[in-house]
PDB file of N, CA and C in Angstrom:
ATOM      1  N   MET A   1       0.844  -1.168   0.000  1.00  0.00           N
ATOM      2  CA  MET A   1       0.000   0.000   0.000  1.00  0.00           C
ATOM      3  C   MET A   1       0.894   1.237   0.000  1.00  0.00           C
ATOM      4  N   ARG A   2       0.586   2.171  -0.880  1.00  0.00           N
ATOM      5  CA  ARG A   2       1.415   3.374  -1.025  1.00  0.00           C
ATOM      6  C   ARG A   2       0.718   4.576  -0.372  1.00  0.00           C
ATOM      7  N   ILE A   3       1.522   5.370   0.386  1.00  0.00           N
ATOM      8  CA  ILE A   3       1.044   6.621   0.958  1.00  0.00           C
ATOM      9  C   ILE A   3       2.064   7.715   0.674  1.00  0.00           C
ATOM     10  N   THR A   4       1.630   8.960   0.838  1.00  0.00           N
ATOM     11  CA  THR A   4       2.547  10.093   0.801  1.00  0.00           C
ATOM     12  C   THR A   4       2.784  10.504   2.239  1.00  0.00           C
ATOM     13  N   LEU A   5       4.044  10.499   2.662  1.00  0.00           N
ATOM     14  CA  LEU A   5       4.397  10.703   4.065  1.00  0.00           C
ATOM     15  C   LEU A   5       5.246  11.944   4.231  1.00  0.00           C
ATOM     16  N   THR A   6       4.846  12.808   5.160  1.00  0.00           N
ATOM     17  CA  THR A   6       5.638  13.968   5.535  1.00  0.00           C
ATOM     18  C   THR A   6       5.951  13.863   7.016  1.00  0.00           C
ATOM     19  N   LEU A   7       7.235  13.844   7.338  1.00  0.00           N
ATOM     20  CA  LEU A   7       7.682  13.817   8.728  1.00  0.00           C
ATOM     21  C   LEU A   7       8.295  15.171   9.035  1.00  0.00           C
ATOM     22  N   GLU A   8       7.622  15.954   9.861  1.00  0.00           N
ATOM     23  CA  GLU A   8       8.032  17.323  10.146  1.00  0.00           C
ATOM     24  C   GLU A   8       9.193  17.378  11.136  1.00  0.00           C
ATOM     25  N   ALA A   9      10.046  18.394  10.948  1.00  0.00           N
ATOM     26  CA  ALA A   9      11.141  18.747  11.875  1.00  0.00           C
ATOM     27  C   ALA A   9      11.977  17.518  12.259  1.00  0.00           C
ATOM     28  N   ILE A  10      12.136  17.285  13.567  1.00  0.00           N
ATOM     29  CA  ILE A  10      13.044  16.227  14.028  1.00  0.00           C
ATOM     30  C   ILE A  10      12.574  14.824  13.683  1.00  0.00           C
ATOM     31  N   LEU A  11      11.327  14.668  13.302  1.00  0.00           N
ATOM     32  CA  LEU A  11      10.840  13.338  12.914  1.00  0.00           C
ATOM     33  C   LEU A  11      11.390  12.912  11.559  1.00  0.00           C
ATOM     34  N   GLY A  12      11.945  13.851  10.808  1.00  0.00           N
ATOM     35  CA  GLY A  12      12.502  13.547   9.493  1.00  0.00           C
ATOM     36  C   GLY A  12      13.562  12.464   9.516  1.00  0.00           C
ATOM     37  N   LYS A  13      14.231  12.323  10.649  1.00  0.00           N
ATOM     38  CA  LYS A  13      15.289  11.298  10.735  1.00  0.00           C
ATOM     39  C   LYS A  13      14.731   9.877  10.683  1.00  0.00           C
ATOM     40  N   PHE A  14      13.418   9.734  10.828  1.00  0.00           N
ATOM     41  CA  PHE A  14      12.786   8.413  10.770  1.00  0.00           C
ATOM     42  C   PHE A  14      12.250   8.081   9.375  1.00  0.00           C
ATOM     43  N   ALA A  15      12.492   8.948   8.406  1.00  0.00           N
ATOM     44  CA  ALA A  15      11.995   8.729   7.040  1.00  0.00           C
ATOM     45  C   ALA A  15      12.541   7.408   6.498  1.00  0.00           C
ATOM     46  N   PRO A  16      11.676   6.606   5.862  1.00  0.00           N
ATOM     47  CA  PRO A  16      12.116   5.308   5.354  1.00  0.00           C
ATOM     48  C   PRO A  16      12.983   5.401   4.100  1.00  0.00           C
ATOM     49  N   GLY A  17      13.103   6.581   3.522  1.00  0.00           N
ATOM     50  CA  GLY A  17      13.924   6.746   2.330  1.00  0.00           C
ATOM     51  C   GLY A  17      13.767   8.151   1.793  1.00  0.00           C
ATOM     52  N   PRO A  18      14.433   8.421   0.688  1.00  0.00           N
ATOM     53  CA  PRO A  18      14.305   9.759   0.099  1.00  0.00           C
ATOM     54  C   PRO A  18      12.911   9.953  -0.505  1.00  0.00           C
ATOM     55  N   GLY A  19      12.478  11.168  -0.578  1.00  0.00           N
ATOM     56  CA  GLY A  19      11.172  11.456  -1.156  1.00  0.00           C
ATOM     57  C   GLY A  19      10.053  11.230  -0.156  1.00  0.00           C
ATOM     58  N   LYS A  20       8.838  11.505  -0.615  1.00  0.00           N
ATOM     59  CA  LYS A  20       7.688  11.416   0.273  1.00  0.00           C
ATOM     60  C   LYS A  20       6.845  10.166   0.054  1.00  0.00           C
ATOM     61  N   GLU A  21       7.094   9.467  -1.048  1.00  0.00           N
ATOM     62  CA  GLU A  21       6.328   8.241  -1.304  1.00  0.00           C
ATOM     63  C   GLU A  21       6.823   7.148  -0.365  1.00  0.00           C
ATOM     64  N   CYS A  22       5.881   6.446   0.238  1.00  0.00           N
ATOM     65  CA  CYS A  22       6.227   5.390   1.190  1.00  0.00           C
ATOM     66  C   CYS A  22       5.368   4.169   0.888  1.00  0.00           C
ATOM     67  N   GLU A  23       5.994   3.029   0.785  1.00  0.00           N
ATOM     68  CA  GLU A  23       5.291   1.776   0.520  1.00  0.00           C
ATOM     69  C   GLU A  23       5.142   1.024   1.844  1.00  0.00           C
ATOM     70  N   LEU A  24       3.911   0.711   2.213  1.00  0.00           N
ATOM     71  CA  LEU A  24       3.648  -0.040   3.435  1.00  0.00           C
ATOM     72  C   LEU A  24       3.357  -1.491   3.080  1.00  0.00           C
ATOM     73  N   PRO A  25       3.756  -2.436   3.956  1.00  0.00           N
ATOM     74  CA  PRO A  25       3.557  -3.851   3.641  1.00  0.00           C
ATOM     75  C   PRO A  25       2.094  -4.281   3.676  1.00  0.00           C
ATOM     76  N   HIS A  26       1.235  -3.516   4.366  1.00  0.00           N
ATOM     77  CA  HIS A  26      -0.186  -3.854   4.484  1.00  0.00           C
ATOM     78  C   HIS A  26      -0.916  -2.630   5.035  1.00  0.00           C
ATOM     79  N   PRO A  27      -2.244  -2.596   4.950  1.00  0.00           N
ATOM     80  CA  PRO A  27      -2.982  -1.477   5.532  1.00  0.00           C
ATOM     81  C   PRO A  27      -2.721  -1.400   7.035  1.00  0.00           C
ATOM     82  N   MET A  28      -2.659  -0.178   7.558  1.00  0.00           N
ATOM     83  CA  MET A  28      -2.392  -0.001   8.985  1.00  0.00           C
ATOM     84  C   MET A  28      -2.997   1.303   9.482  1.00  0.00           C
ATOM     85  N   THR A  29      -3.047   1.422  10.804  1.00  0.00           N
ATOM     86  CA  THR A  29      -3.530   2.645  11.436  1.00  0.00           C
ATOM     87  C   THR A  29      -2.373   3.629  11.575  1.00  0.00           C
ATOM     88  N   VAL A  30      -2.696   4.860  11.962  1.00  0.00           N
ATOM     89  CA  VAL A  30      -1.651   5.857  12.216  1.00  0.00           C
ATOM     90  C   VAL A  30      -0.709   5.351  13.313  1.00  0.00           C
ATOM     91  N   GLY A  31      -1.257   4.786  14.368  1.00  0.00           N
ATOM     92  CA  GLY A  31      -0.425   4.258  15.455  1.00  0.00           C
ATOM     93  C   GLY A  31       0.507   3.157  14.985  1.00  0.00           C
ATOM     94  N   GLN A  32      -0.003   2.267  14.149  1.00  0.00           N
ATOM     95  CA  GLN A  32       0.840   1.200  13.605  1.00  0.00           C
ATOM     96  C   GLN A  32       1.919   1.769  12.695  1.00  0.00           C
ATOM     97  N   LEU A  33       1.585   2.817  11.925  1.00  0.00           N
ATOM     98  CA  LEU A  33       2.577   3.456  11.067  1.00  0.00           C
ATOM     99  C   LEU A  33       3.707   4.041  11.909  1.00  0.00           C
ATOM    100  N   ILE A  34       3.357   4.719  12.986  1.00  0.00           N
ATOM    101  CA  ILE A  34       4.370   5.300  13.872  1.00  0.00           C
ATOM    102  C   ILE A  34       5.300   4.202  14.381  1.00  0.00           C
ATOM    103  N   GLY A  35       4.743   3.088  14.822  1.00  0.00           N
ATOM    104  CA  GLY A  35       5.565   1.961  15.279  1.00  0.00           C
ATOM    105  C   GLY A  35       6.392   1.364  14.159  1.00  0.00           C
ATOM    106  N   HIS A  36       5.800   1.224  12.983  1.00  0.00           N
ATOM    107  CA  HIS A  36       6.493   0.669  11.813  1.00  0.00           C
ATOM    108  C   HIS A  36       7.725   1.501  11.454  1.00  0.00           C
ATOM    109  N   LEU A  37       7.612   2.822  11.613  1.00  0.00           N
ATOM    110  CA  LEU A  37       8.723   3.721  11.302  1.00  0.00           C
ATOM    111  C   LEU A  37       9.744   3.797  12.430  1.00  0.00           C
ATOM    112  N   GLY A  38       9.435   3.221  13.582  1.00  0.00           N
ATOM    113  CA  GLY A  38      10.359   3.246  14.716  1.00  0.00           C
ATOM    114  C   GLY A  38      10.343   4.565  15.478  1.00  0.00           C
ATOM    115  N   ILE A  39       9.276   5.325  15.333  1.00  0.00           N
ATOM    116  CA  ILE A  39       9.166   6.608  16.028  1.00  0.00           C
ATOM    117  C   ILE A  39       8.574   6.350  17.406  1.00  0.00           C
ATOM    118  N   PRO A  40       9.231   6.830  18.476  1.00  0.00           N
ATOM    119  CA  PRO A  40       8.613   6.719  19.795  1.00  0.00           C
ATOM    120  C   PRO A  40       7.290   7.500  19.801  1.00  0.00           C
ATOM    121  N   GLU A  41       6.220   6.843  20.195  1.00  0.00           N
ATOM    122  CA  GLU A  41       4.883   7.441  20.138  1.00  0.00           C
ATOM    123  C   GLU A  41       4.811   8.767  20.896  1.00  0.00           C
ATOM    124  N   ASN A  42       5.586   8.899  21.966  1.00  0.00           N
ATOM    125  CA  ASN A  42       5.540  10.131  22.764  1.00  0.00           C
ATOM    126  C   ASN A  42       6.222  11.316  22.071  1.00  0.00           C
ATOM    127  N   GLN A  43       6.810  11.107  20.897  1.00  0.00           N
ATOM    128  CA  GLN A  43       7.426  12.205  20.148  1.00  0.00           C
ATOM    129  C   GLN A  43       6.474  12.810  19.119  1.00  0.00           C
ATOM    130  N   VAL A  44       5.338  12.180  18.893  1.00  0.00           N
ATOM    131  CA  VAL A  44       4.380  12.670  17.892  1.00  0.00           C
ATOM    132  C   VAL A  44       3.279  13.454  18.607  1.00  0.00           C
ATOM    133  N   MET A  45       3.193  14.745  18.301  1.00  0.00           N
ATOM    134  CA  MET A  45       2.171  15.589  18.918  1.00  0.00           C
ATOM    135  C   MET A  45       0.820  15.388  18.243  1.00  0.00           C
ATOM    136  N   PHE A  46       0.826  15.369  16.899  1.00  0.00           N
ATOM    137  CA  PHE A  46      -0.417  15.133  16.176  1.00  0.00           C
ATOM    138  C   PHE A  46      -0.127  14.601  14.788  1.00  0.00           C
ATOM    139  N   ALA A  47      -1.187  14.028  14.211  1.00  0.00           N
ATOM    140  CA  ALA A  47      -1.111  13.485  12.860  1.00  0.00           C
ATOM    141  C   ALA A  47      -2.233  14.089  12.026  1.00  0.00           C
ATOM    142  N   ILE A  48      -1.938  14.301  10.765  1.00  0.00           N
ATOM    143  CA  ILE A  48      -2.922  14.796   9.814  1.00  0.00           C
ATOM    144  C   ILE A  48      -2.989  13.784   8.666  1.00  0.00           C
ATOM    145  N   VAL A  49      -4.208  13.330   8.352  1.00  0.00           N
ATOM    146  CA  VAL A  49      -4.416  12.403   7.244  1.00  0.00           C
ATOM    147  C   VAL A  49      -5.389  13.063   6.276  1.00  0.00           C
ATOM    148  N   ASP A  50      -4.935  13.234   5.051  1.00  0.00           N
ATOM    149  CA  ASP A  50      -5.752  13.869   4.007  1.00  0.00           C
ATOM    150  C   ASP A  50      -6.307  15.218   4.458  1.00  0.00           C
ATOM    151  N   GLY A  51      -5.471  15.992   5.158  1.00  0.00           N
ATOM    152  CA  GLY A  51      -5.842  17.349   5.567  1.00  0.00           C
ATOM    153  C   GLY A  51      -6.712  17.433   6.800  1.00  0.00           C
ATOM    154  N   GLN A  52      -6.977  16.306   7.459  1.00  0.00           N
ATOM    155  CA  GLN A  52      -7.821  16.273   8.649  1.00  0.00           C
ATOM    156  C   GLN A  52      -7.026  15.727   9.839  1.00  0.00           C
ATOM    157  N   MET A  53      -7.292  16.292  11.025  1.00  0.00           N
ATOM    158  CA  MET A  53      -6.660  15.755  12.224  1.00  0.00           C
ATOM    159  C   MET A  53      -7.043  14.279  12.355  1.00  0.00           C
ATOM    160  N   ALA A  54      -6.078  13.493  12.789  1.00  0.00           N
ATOM    161  CA  ALA A  54      -6.299  12.049  12.919  1.00  0.00           C
ATOM    162  C   ALA A  54      -5.825  11.593  14.291  1.00  0.00           C
ATOM    163  N   ASN A  55      -6.291  10.435  14.712  1.00  0.00           N
ATOM    164  CA  ASN A  55      -5.797   9.859  15.962  1.00  0.00           C
ATOM    165  C   ASN A  55      -5.075   8.550  15.653  1.00  0.00           C
ATOM    166  N   LEU A  56      -4.578   7.908  16.695  1.00  0.00           N
ATOM    167  CA  LEU A  56      -3.785   6.694  16.495  1.00  0.00           C
ATOM    168  C   LEU A  56      -4.581   5.551  15.867  1.00  0.00           C
ATOM    169  N   ASP A  57      -5.902   5.590  15.998  1.00  0.00           N
ATOM    170  CA  ASP A  57      -6.743   4.530  15.462  1.00  0.00           C
ATOM    171  C   ASP A  57      -7.243   4.796  14.045  1.00  0.00           C
ATOM    172  N   THR A  58      -6.879   5.942  13.470  1.00  0.00           N
ATOM    173  CA  THR A  58      -7.309   6.270  12.108  1.00  0.00           C
ATOM    174  C   THR A  58      -6.669   5.288  11.124  1.00  0.00           C
ATOM    175  N   MET A  59      -7.507   4.635  10.339  1.00  0.00           N
ATOM    176  CA  MET A  59      -7.020   3.657   9.358  1.00  0.00           C
ATOM    177  C   MET A  59      -6.554   4.389   8.108  1.00  0.00           C
ATOM    178  N   LEU A  60      -5.372   4.039   7.642  1.00  0.00           N
ATOM    179  CA  LEU A  60      -4.831   4.629   6.421  1.00  0.00           C
ATOM    180  C   LEU A  60      -5.358   3.866   5.211  1.00  0.00           C
ATOM    181  N   HIS A  61      -5.405   4.537   4.088  1.00  0.00           N
ATOM    182  CA  HIS A  61      -5.888   3.926   2.855  1.00  0.00           C
ATOM    183  C   HIS A  61      -4.891   4.201   1.735  1.00  0.00           C
ATOM    184  N   GLU A  62      -5.046   3.498   0.646  1.00  0.00           N
ATOM    185  CA  GLU A  62      -4.185   3.674  -0.526  1.00  0.00           C
ATOM    186  C   GLU A  62      -4.157   5.144  -0.925  1.00  0.00           C
ATOM    187  N   ASN A  63      -2.970   5.664  -1.177  1.00  0.00           N
ATOM    188  CA  ASN A  63      -2.720   7.049  -1.606  1.00  0.00           C
ATOM    189  C   ASN A  63      -3.068   8.097  -0.558  1.00  0.00           C
ATOM    190  N   ALA A  64      -3.164   7.710   0.713  1.00  0.00           N
ATOM    191  CA  ALA A  64      -3.405   8.685   1.782  1.00  0.00           C
ATOM    192  C   ALA A  64      -2.220   9.627   1.887  1.00  0.00           C
ATOM    193  N   SER A  65      -2.491  10.853   2.268  1.00  0.00           N
ATOM    194  CA  SER A  65      -1.464  11.842   2.549  1.00  0.00           C
ATOM    195  C   SER A  65      -1.366  11.964   4.075  1.00  0.00           C
ATOM    196  N   VAL A  66      -0.198  11.616   4.626  1.00  0.00           N
ATOM    197  CA  VAL A  66      -0.026  11.561   6.065  1.00  0.00           C
ATOM    198  C   VAL A  66       1.103  12.500   6.479  1.00  0.00           C
ATOM    199  N   SER A  67       0.824  13.326   7.493  1.00  0.00           N
ATOM    200  CA  SER A  67       1.832  14.205   8.050  1.00  0.00           C
ATOM    201  C   SER A  67       1.902  13.980   9.544  1.00  0.00           C
ATOM    202  N   LEU A  68       3.115  13.727  10.061  1.00  0.00           N
ATOM    203  CA  LEU A  68       3.329  13.554  11.485  1.00  0.00           C
ATOM    204  C   LEU A  68       4.164  14.720  12.001  1.00  0.00           C
ATOM    205  N   CYS A  69       3.692  15.322  13.094  1.00  0.00           N
ATOM    206  CA  CYS A  69       4.342  16.511  13.640  1.00  0.00           C
ATOM    207  C   CYS A  69       4.792  16.265  15.069  1.00  0.00           C
ATOM    208  N   PRO A  70       6.017  16.686  15.420  1.00  0.00           N
ATOM    209  CA  PRO A  70       6.550  16.456  16.772  1.00  0.00           C
ATOM    210  C   PRO A  70       6.109  17.571  17.729  1.00  0.00           C
ATOM    211  N   TYR A  71       6.355  17.313  19.004  1.00  0.00           N
ATOM    212  CA  TYR A  71       6.224  18.375  20.001  1.00  0.00           C
ATOM    213  C   TYR A  71       7.325  19.370  19.739  1.00  0.00           C
ATOM    214  N   ILE A  72       7.019  20.627  19.872  1.00  0.00           N
ATOM    215  CA  ILE A  72       7.995  21.685  19.619  1.00  0.00           C
ATOM    216  C   ILE A  72       8.054  22.569  20.850  1.00  0.00           C
ATOM    217  N   CYS A  73       9.252  22.893  21.262  1.00  0.00           N
ATOM    218  CA  CYS A  73       9.396  23.828  22.375  1.00  0.00           C
ATOM    219  C   CYS A  73      10.461  24.844  22.005  1.00  0.00           C
ATOM    220  N   GLY A  74      10.402  25.930  22.630  1.00  0.00           N
ATOM    221  CA  GLY A  74      11.371  26.994  22.333  1.00  0.00           C
ATOM    222  C   GLY A  74      11.372  28.006  23.455  1.00  0.00           C
ATOM    223  N   GLY A  75      12.125  29.020  23.243  1.00  0.00           N
ATOM    224  CA  GLY A  75      12.176  29.997  24.330  1.00  0.00           C
ATOM    225  C   GLY A  75      12.681  31.316  23.849  1.00  0.00           C
TER     226      GLY A  75
END
């Protein structure tokens, strides 16, 4: 299953390869995707799927556009 994946800021280091196209071995939820990529769940502040806020139980579909954003702090 193919999705378009955007990993914002420090999450970029977990990208499975160059570019935004990502091939998944099977359909999965946002939470499963986070685990599949090896991202600690506590580093993801929110997820957006097809322009809508999503939760960990949101099921991904073929050609979904997924963006994962980390917690950000500054001063």
